[in-house]
């Protein structure tokens, strides 16, 4: 497992090195199918170990809507990427690649490098030989470099048979009167766990993690993570050090949310580094060194600098997005569901059990509807866990067992 480098030494480092990060963003949700325009192009064996398609031969892809071109000015691997574009007259851009023979994805999910300049969330569809489909999606921050993104289940059409996948589609929804451009590169197929994994997290260091969540989780012997802005530990309404020690003794992870929990994307590189290093120092100095390996982006926001610093200095960084992915291709941007309703969480957990995904459920201050949703979710999670359909795990479990080695 990668260990964190000491942040003070990062001042002279160049951001944007070779890692799971390198250029990011895109698309949106439209599950409608389309006519089959594939010409049956065969698969290729790429020179990059583990990489299925580096978008250096676009003839392997059929353009269903919009346009697809090589972009030699932007790449994650090699010398170019694929640039997908929908202009103002088009609702979306969609490309499709048919496998030479049906591909068995029973134990795998796709992940790839994406970037965009627009506020769109790309969709990847896996279609089986009977036309049933699994839809996966990710959140990509606009204006950032290409970066690997892990895709999560967002819908099914019919009953997809992942042991016999005929083709894969990548699409981005434009909508009315706007153009959309999405860059894609370095498509991989990453493995999934043998059993679905669930992580439970609490942001902002608020005391309801102790006063309200703790007893519910203790009843089921479920571990959780409390991400704390270390400057506020012991403040009014926040967890104090004694509470954190108790939670840790009961199997919780006490992780970092910077020193103040403020939006990193609005800060200079030196200020971001101070936020991260100050929190790491406090956690390590106060007996929470294991949790200092894990980070939650404050307000679930990041920029290129934050993304690179987290990639370099933490084992896993968690951020809001679509939960329910395979083994992490990019542990610096581990997606999670933030404040899901009971119905939303139930659906996510059903998919977690069915497709053996990794799903992170994150809560802030527990009160009113959020407390009811949390308690209902934990009750259903307990049923799935008792049946052996899912396992509740910690960030350390994910870091050690469920990160794809590029």
Protein backbone atom coordinates (compact mmCIF):
# COMPACT_ATOMS: atom_id res chain seq x y z
CA UNK A 1 0.00 0.00 0.00
CA UNK A 2 1.24 3.49 -0.81
CA UNK A 3 2.28 5.44 2.26
CA UNK A 4 1.86 9.20 2.54
CA UNK A 5 4.87 11.39 1.85
CA UNK A 6 5.48 14.22 4.29
CA UNK A 7 3.64 17.23 2.91
CA UNK A 8 6.24 19.84 3.79
CA UNK A 9 8.54 18.25 1.22
CA UNK A 10 5.88 18.64 -1.45
CA UNK A 11 6.47 22.36 -1.91
CA UNK A 12 9.07 21.76 -4.60
CA UNK A 13 7.16 18.93 -6.25
CA UNK A 14 5.51 19.43 -9.62
CA UNK A 15 1.78 18.77 -9.55
CA UNK A 16 0.41 16.56 -12.28
CA UNK A 17 2.91 13.71 -12.24
CA UNK A 18 2.33 10.19 -13.48
CA UNK A 19 -0.34 8.62 -11.30
CA UNK A 20 -4.01 7.74 -11.48
CA UNK A 21 -4.42 11.45 -12.20
CA UNK A 22 -3.58 13.44 -15.34
CA UNK A 23 -6.60 15.22 -17.06
CA UNK A 24 -10.51 15.21 -16.11
CA UNK A 25 -14.46 15.64 -16.70
CA UNK A 26 -17.85 15.11 -18.60
CA UNK A 27 -21.49 13.98 -19.42
CA UNK A 28 -25.03 12.97 -18.38
CA UNK A 29 -27.79 10.45 -18.07
CA UNK A 30 -29.87 9.17 -20.96
CA UNK A 31 -30.61 5.44 -20.90
CA UNK A 32 -32.34 5.36 -24.30
CA UNK A 33 -30.94 2.71 -26.59
CA UNK A 34 -30.31 3.19 -30.30
CA UNK A 35 -29.97 1.20 -33.48
CA UNK A 36 -27.04 -1.12 -33.83
CA UNK A 37 -24.51 0.52 -36.16
CA UNK A 38 -21.56 -1.68 -35.25
CA UNK A 39 -19.47 -3.25 -37.95
CA UNK A 40 -18.05 -5.90 -35.64
CA UNK A 41 -14.53 -4.48 -35.34
CA UNK A 42 -12.26 -6.82 -33.35
CA UNK A 43 -10.68 -6.07 -30.01
CA UNK A 44 -7.06 -4.99 -29.94
CA UNK A 45 -4.29 -5.80 -27.49
CA UNK A 46 -2.81 -2.55 -26.24
CA UNK A 47 0.80 -2.12 -25.27
CA UNK A 48 -0.03 -0.67 -21.85
CA UNK A 49 -0.46 -3.55 -19.34
CA UNK A 50 -4.06 -3.69 -18.19
CA UNK A 51 -5.24 -1.03 -20.62
CA UNK A 52 -8.00 -2.20 -22.98
CA UNK A 53 -8.15 0.87 -25.23
CA UNK A 54 -5.89 3.92 -25.34
CA UNK A 55 -7.98 5.66 -28.03
CA UNK A 56 -5.14 5.64 -30.54
CA UNK A 57 -7.28 3.81 -33.14
CA UNK A 58 -10.73 5.35 -33.28
CA UNK A 59 -11.81 3.00 -36.06
CA UNK A 60 -12.64 0.56 -33.27
CA UNK A 61 -15.50 2.87 -32.23
CA UNK A 62 -18.79 3.55 -34.01
CA UNK A 63 -20.10 7.09 -33.65
CA UNK A 64 -23.81 6.87 -32.84
CA UNK A 65 -24.39 10.58 -32.22
CA UNK A 66 -22.13 13.62 -32.33
CA UNK A 67 -18.50 13.33 -33.44
CA UNK A 68 -15.34 11.53 -32.30
CA UNK A 69 -11.86 12.75 -33.24
CA UNK A 70 -8.27 12.19 -32.13
CA UNK A 71 -6.91 15.04 -30.01
CA UNK A 72 -3.11 15.16 -30.09
CA UNK A 73 -3.08 18.14 -27.72
CA UNK A 74 -4.50 16.18 -24.80
CA UNK A 75 -3.65 12.70 -23.56
CA UNK A 76 -3.57 10.57 -20.42
CA UNK A 77 -1.44 7.82 -21.94
CA UNK A 78 0.30 7.82 -25.29
CA UNK A 79 0.13 10.82 -27.59
CA UNK A 80 -3.59 11.52 -27.93
CA UNK A 81 -7.07 11.00 -26.53
CA UNK A 82 -10.51 10.63 -28.06
CA UNK A 83 -12.50 13.88 -28.19
CA UNK A 84 -16.28 13.37 -28.21
CA UNK A 85 -18.37 16.39 -29.21
CA UNK A 86 -22.06 17.23 -29.48
CA UNK A 87 -22.88 20.63 -30.99
CA UNK A 88 -25.87 22.85 -30.20
CA UNK A 89 -28.10 20.94 -32.62
CA UNK A 90 -27.46 17.55 -30.99
CA UNK A 91 -28.87 16.21 -27.73
CA UNK A 92 -25.85 14.05 -26.91
CA UNK A 93 -22.68 12.43 -28.13
CA UNK A 94 -22.46 8.64 -28.03
CA UNK A 95 -19.82 6.17 -29.22
CA UNK A 96 -19.95 2.38 -29.21
CA UNK A 97 -17.42 -0.41 -29.37
CA UNK A 98 -18.54 -3.95 -30.08
CA UNK A 99 -16.47 -6.80 -28.65
CA UNK A 100 -15.18 -9.37 -31.14
CA UNK A 101 -17.05 -12.00 -29.12
CA UNK A 102 -19.27 -11.46 -26.06
CA UNK A 103 -17.08 -10.40 -23.15
CA UNK A 104 -17.49 -11.87 -19.68
CA UNK A 105 -17.70 -8.94 -17.25
CA UNK A 106 -19.12 -10.99 -14.39
CA UNK A 107 -16.17 -9.91 -12.23
CA UNK A 108 -15.23 -6.58 -13.83
CA UNK A 109 -16.39 -3.01 -14.37
CA UNK A 110 -15.03 -0.40 -16.79
CA UNK A 111 -13.02 2.62 -15.63
CA UNK A 112 -11.35 5.23 -17.79
CA UNK A 113 -9.72 8.65 -17.90
CA UNK A 114 -12.15 11.48 -18.60
CA UNK A 115 -12.15 15.25 -18.87
CA UNK A 116 -14.64 17.95 -19.86
CA UNK A 117 -15.10 21.69 -19.73
CA UNK A 118 -18.86 21.47 -19.16
CA UNK A 119 -21.04 20.44 -16.24
CA UNK A 120 -21.87 16.94 -17.46
CA UNK A 121 -21.60 13.46 -15.94
CA UNK A 122 -20.63 10.79 -18.51
CA UNK A 123 -22.49 7.50 -18.80
CA UNK A 124 -21.09 4.13 -19.80
CA UNK A 125 -23.51 1.41 -20.91
CA UNK A 126 -22.82 -2.32 -21.01
CA UNK A 127 -25.25 -4.17 -23.29
CA UNK A 128 -25.65 -7.93 -23.27
CA UNK A 129 -26.49 -10.13 -26.26
CA UNK A 130 -30.24 -9.80 -25.56
CA UNK A 131 -30.17 -5.99 -25.43
CA UNK A 132 -30.42 -5.68 -21.64
CA UNK A 133 -28.22 -2.93 -20.26
CA UNK A 134 -26.30 -1.85 -17.19
CA UNK A 135 -25.75 1.90 -16.88
CA UNK A 136 -22.77 3.31 -15.00
CA UNK A 137 -21.93 6.94 -14.33
CA UNK A 138 -19.35 9.20 -12.74
CA UNK A 139 -18.98 12.82 -11.72
CA UNK A 140 -16.21 14.81 -13.42
CA UNK A 141 -15.27 18.31 -12.32
CA UNK A 142 -15.16 20.71 -15.30
CA UNK A 143 -11.91 22.22 -16.48
CA UNK A 144 -9.50 19.71 -14.95
CA UNK A 145 -6.92 17.47 -16.65
CA UNK A 146 -7.73 13.92 -17.70
CA UNK A 147 -7.98 11.68 -14.66
CA UNK A 148 -9.13 8.12 -14.10
CA UNK A 149 -12.71 7.87 -12.86
CA UNK A 150 -14.42 4.90 -11.28
CA UNK A 151 -17.91 4.20 -12.60
CA UNK A 152 -20.89 3.31 -10.44
CA UNK A 153 -24.20 1.61 -11.17
CA UNK A 154 -27.03 4.09 -11.75
CA UNK A 155 -29.66 2.03 -13.56
CA UNK A 156 -30.52 -1.22 -15.30
CA UNK A 157 -32.66 -1.85 -18.36
CA UNK A 158 -34.02 -5.38 -18.30
CA UNK A 159 -31.92 -8.00 -16.53
CA UNK A 160 -28.38 -7.53 -17.86
CA UNK A 161 -26.24 -10.66 -18.13
CA UNK A 162 -22.71 -9.43 -17.47
CA UNK A 163 -21.26 -12.79 -18.48
CA UNK A 164 -22.18 -12.02 -22.09
CA UNK A 165 -21.62 -8.33 -22.85
CA UNK A 166 -21.85 -7.52 -26.54
CA UNK A 167 -20.76 -3.89 -26.60
CA UNK A 168 -19.85 -0.84 -24.53
CA UNK A 169 -21.08 2.71 -25.10
CA UNK A 170 -19.80 6.02 -23.77
CA UNK A 171 -22.15 8.99 -23.90
CA UNK A 172 -22.57 12.56 -22.70
CA UNK A 173 -25.89 14.36 -22.59
CA UNK A 174 -25.88 17.91 -23.95
CA UNK A 175 -29.53 18.91 -23.73
CA UNK A 176 -30.87 21.95 -25.53
CA UNK A 177 -28.83 24.68 -27.19
CA UNK A 178 -25.41 23.91 -25.83
CA UNK A 179 -22.35 22.05 -27.07
CA UNK A 180 -20.52 19.43 -25.01
CA UNK A 181 -17.00 18.10 -25.37
CA UNK A 182 -15.68 15.09 -23.49
CA UNK A 183 -12.19 13.67 -23.68
CA UNK A 184 -11.67 9.96 -22.99
CA UNK A 185 -8.56 7.80 -22.73
CA UNK A 186 -7.09 4.65 -21.18
CA UNK A 187 -10.13 2.39 -20.84
CA UNK A 188 -9.57 -0.41 -18.32
CA UNK A 189 -11.65 -3.23 -16.95
CA UNK A 190 -11.13 -3.48 -13.19
CA UNK A 191 -12.11 -6.35 -10.94
CA UNK A 192 -14.93 -6.30 -8.40
CA UNK A 193 -14.96 -7.82 -4.88
CA UNK A 194 -16.22 -11.34 -4.27
CA UNK A 195 -18.88 -9.81 -1.97
CA UNK A 196 -20.29 -6.29 -2.01
CA UNK A 197 -18.54 -3.88 0.36
CA UNK A 198 -20.17 -1.00 2.25
CA UNK A 199 -18.46 1.90 4.02
CA UNK A 200 -20.28 4.20 6.46
CA UNK A 201 -18.90 7.69 6.95
CA UNK A 202 -19.64 10.93 8.79
CA UNK A 203 -18.32 14.31 7.68
CA UNK A 204 -17.59 17.60 9.40
CA UNK A 205 -16.73 16.14 12.83
CA UNK A 206 -20.18 16.88 14.25
CA UNK A 207 -21.02 15.25 17.57
CA UNK A 208 -24.12 13.45 16.27
CA UNK A 209 -21.78 10.77 14.93
CA UNK A 210 -21.20 9.94 18.60
CA UNK A 211 -24.51 10.87 20.19
CA UNK A 212 -26.83 9.39 17.54
CA UNK A 213 -25.01 7.12 15.09
CA UNK A 214 -22.76 5.29 17.52
CA UNK A 215 -25.44 3.32 19.37
CA UNK A 216 -27.17 2.26 16.16
CA UNK A 217 -23.92 1.04 14.62
CA UNK A 218 -22.78 -0.63 17.84
CA UNK A 219 -25.94 -2.72 17.89
CA UNK A 220 -24.87 -4.30 14.61
CA UNK A 221 -21.11 -4.16 15.29
CA UNK A 222 -20.59 -2.03 12.16
CA UNK A 223 -17.40 0.04 11.83
CA UNK A 224 -17.60 3.60 10.52
CA UNK A 225 -15.37 6.58 9.78
CA UNK A 226 -15.55 10.06 11.27
CA UNK A 227 -13.76 12.68 9.15
CA UNK A 228 -12.86 15.63 11.34
CA UNK A 229 -11.66 19.20 10.69
CA UNK A 230 -9.02 19.04 13.39
CA UNK A 231 -9.11 22.73 14.40
CA UNK A 232 -12.71 22.24 15.58
CA UNK A 233 -12.24 19.10 17.67
CA UNK A 234 -13.75 19.88 21.09
CA UNK A 235 -15.66 22.91 19.86
CA UNK A 236 -19.36 23.39 20.48
CA UNK A 237 -21.33 20.83 18.48
CA UNK A 238 -18.18 18.99 17.41
CA UNK A 239 -16.66 15.71 18.53
CA UNK A 240 -14.14 16.08 21.32
CA UNK A 241 -10.96 14.08 21.73
CA UNK A 242 -12.44 11.75 24.34
CA UNK A 243 -15.33 10.88 22.05
CA UNK A 244 -12.93 10.26 19.18
CA UNK A 245 -10.87 7.94 21.37
CA UNK A 246 -13.99 6.00 22.32
CA UNK A 247 -15.06 5.68 18.70
CA UNK A 248 -11.61 4.49 17.68
CA UNK A 249 -11.61 1.89 20.47
CA UNK A 250 -14.88 0.57 19.02
CA UNK A 251 -13.41 0.08 15.54
CA UNK A 252 -14.06 3.47 13.99
CA UNK A 253 -11.54 5.21 11.75
CA UNK A 254 -10.80 8.85 12.63
CA UNK A 255 -9.88 10.46 9.32
CA UNK A 256 -8.86 13.87 8.02
CA UNK A 257 -10.98 16.65 6.59
CA UNK A 258 -8.21 19.20 6.75
CA UNK A 259 -7.69 21.58 9.62
CA UNK A 260 -10.78 23.73 9.04
CA UNK A 261 -12.95 21.69 6.65
CA UNK A 262 -13.00 24.60 4.21
CA UNK A 263 -13.22 24.35 0.43
CA UNK A 264 -9.74 23.52 -0.84
CA UNK A 265 -10.51 24.46 -4.42
CA UNK A 266 -10.54 28.15 -3.52
CA UNK A 267 -7.12 28.09 -1.86
CA UNK A 268 -3.52 28.40 -3.00
CA UNK A 269 -1.26 25.37 -3.16
CA UNK A 270 0.57 26.40 0.01
CA UNK A 271 -2.70 26.96 1.87
CA UNK A 272 -3.98 23.54 0.77
CA UNK A 273 -0.75 21.93 1.88
CA UNK A 274 -1.01 23.63 5.27
CA UNK A 275 -4.60 22.40 5.65
CA UNK A 276 -3.61 18.82 4.91
CA UNK A 277 -0.36 18.77 6.85
CA UNK A 278 -1.86 20.41 9.91
CA UNK A 279 -4.60 17.77 10.08
CA UNK A 280 -2.13 14.93 9.54
CA UNK A 281 0.10 16.27 12.32
CA UNK A 282 -2.81 16.57 14.74
CA UNK A 283 -4.13 13.07 14.04
CA UNK A 284 -0.70 11.50 14.37
CA UNK A 285 0.18 13.46 17.51
CA UNK A 286 -3.08 12.48 19.22
CA UNK A 287 -3.09 8.75 18.57
CA UNK A 288 -5.15 8.63 15.36
CA UNK A 289 -2.27 7.94 13.00
CA UNK A 290 -4.09 5.15 11.17
CA UNK A 291 -6.90 7.50 10.22
CA UNK A 292 -4.40 10.06 8.94
CA UNK A 293 -4.12 7.88 5.82
CA UNK A 294 -7.67 8.76 4.72
CA UNK A 295 -9.17 12.03 3.58
CA UNK A 296 -12.61 13.43 2.75
CA UNK A 297 -12.66 16.50 0.50
CA UNK A 298 -14.39 19.31 2.40
CA UNK A 299 -17.74 20.17 0.82
CA UNK A 300 -16.91 17.41 -1.70
CA UNK A 301 -15.04 19.92 -3.84
CA UNK A 302 -11.57 19.78 -5.35
CA UNK A 303 -9.32 21.28 -7.98
CA UNK A 304 -6.25 19.94 -9.74
CA UNK A 305 -3.93 20.91 -6.88
CA UNK A 306 -6.08 19.26 -4.20
CA UNK A 307 -6.48 16.14 -6.32
CA UNK A 308 -2.72 15.81 -6.80
CA UNK A 309 -1.86 16.46 -3.14
CA UNK A 310 -4.40 13.91 -1.94
CA UNK A 311 -3.16 11.37 -4.49
CA UNK A 312 0.39 11.80 -3.24
CA UNK A 313 -0.18 11.90 0.51
CA UNK A 314 -3.20 9.72 1.31
CA UNK A 315 -4.09 6.12 0.68
CA UNK A 316 -7.70 7.02 -0.22
CA UNK A 317 -9.48 10.33 -0.75
CA UNK A 318 -13.30 10.32 -0.69
CA UNK A 319 -15.49 12.74 -2.65
CA UNK A 320 -19.18 13.08 -3.48
CA UNK A 321 -20.40 11.34 -6.62
CA UNK A 322 -22.02 8.10 -7.72
CA UNK A 323 -21.51 5.27 -5.24
CA UNK A 324 -21.23 1.60 -6.15
CA UNK A 325 -18.04 0.98 -8.14
CA UNK A 326 -15.53 -1.82 -8.61
CA UNK A 327 -12.03 -1.92 -7.18
CA UNK A 328 -10.65 1.61 -7.22
CA UNK A 329 -8.79 2.70 -10.32
CA UNK A 330 -8.21 6.13 -8.79
CA UNK A 331 -8.06 6.05 -4.97
CA UNK A 332 -7.59 9.83 -4.86
CA UNK A 333 -11.19 10.25 -6.04
CA UNK A 334 -13.17 7.47 -4.37
CA UNK A 335 -16.83 8.33 -5.08
CA UNK A 336 -19.49 8.21 -2.37
CA UNK A 337 -23.18 8.96 -1.89
CA UNK A 338 -23.73 12.00 0.33
CA UNK A 339 -26.81 12.12 2.56
CA UNK A 340 -28.87 9.50 0.68
CA UNK A 341 -32.54 9.12 1.53
CA UNK A 342 -33.66 5.73 2.81
CA UNK A 343 -35.02 4.83 -0.63
CA UNK A 344 -31.85 5.92 -2.38
CA UNK A 345 -29.67 4.00 0.06
CA UNK A 346 -31.83 0.90 -0.24
CA UNK A 347 -31.44 0.91 -4.03
CA UNK A 348 -27.69 1.41 -3.73
CA UNK A 349 -27.39 -1.46 -1.28
CA UNK A 350 -29.46 -3.74 -3.50
CA UNK A 351 -27.09 -3.02 -6.39
CA UNK A 352 -24.11 -3.48 -4.06
CA UNK A 353 -25.28 -6.98 -3.20
CA UNK A 354 -26.31 -7.88 -6.75
CA UNK A 355 -23.27 -6.54 -8.62
CA UNK A 356 -20.69 -6.90 -5.81
CA UNK A 357 -19.71 -3.25 -5.79
CA UNK A 358 -18.05 -0.97 -3.24
CA UNK A 359 -20.54 1.57 -1.90
CA UNK A 360 -19.77 4.42 0.49
CA UNK A 361 -22.66 6.09 2.33
CA UNK A 362 -21.83 9.46 3.86
CA UNK A 363 -23.80 11.51 6.38
CA UNK A 364 -23.34 14.90 7.94
CA UNK A 365 -25.29 16.08 10.97
CA UNK A 366 -27.90 13.47 11.93
CA UNK A 367 -31.25 15.01 12.84
CA UNK A 368 -34.86 14.82 11.71
CA UNK A 369 -35.25 13.15 8.32
CA UNK A 370 -31.55 12.43 7.98
CA UNK A 371 -31.55 10.48 11.25
CA UNK A 372 -34.62 8.48 10.21
CA UNK A 373 -33.06 7.73 6.81
CA UNK A 374 -29.83 6.63 8.47
CA UNK A 375 -31.57 4.31 10.93
CA UNK A 376 -33.74 2.76 8.21
CA UNK A 377 -30.69 2.27 6.01
CA UNK A 378 -28.69 0.57 8.77
CA UNK A 379 -31.59 -1.76 9.47
CA UNK A 380 -31.70 -2.87 5.83
CA UNK A 381 -27.91 -3.08 5.69
CA UNK A 382 -28.01 -5.41 8.70
CA UNK A 383 -30.37 -7.74 6.84
CA UNK A 384 -28.06 -7.89 3.85
CA UNK A 385 -25.00 -8.36 6.03
CA UNK A 386 -26.63 -11.16 8.04
CA UNK A 387 -27.51 -12.94 4.80
CA UNK A 388 -23.89 -12.72 3.66
CA UNK A 389 -24.78 -10.49 0.70
CA UNK A 390 -22.56 -7.56 1.75
CA UNK A 391 -19.76 -6.80 4.18
CA UNK A 392 -19.28 -3.54 6.10
CA UNK A 393 -15.64 -2.51 5.82
CA UNK A 394 -13.22 0.31 6.65
CA UNK A 395 -11.08 2.58 4.45
CA UNK A 396 -8.08 0.44 5.42
CA UNK A 397 -9.82 -2.62 3.97
CA UNK A 398 -10.39 -0.79 0.70
CA UNK A 399 -6.82 0.55 0.57
CA UNK A 400 -5.25 -2.83 1.19
CA UNK A 401 -7.58 -5.10 -0.81
CA UNK A 402 -9.57 -3.09 -3.35
CA UNK A 403 -7.27 -0.70 -5.21
CA UNK A 404 -6.45 -1.57 -8.80
CA UNK A 405 -2.70 -1.61 -9.40
CA UNK A 406 -2.03 0.35 -12.59
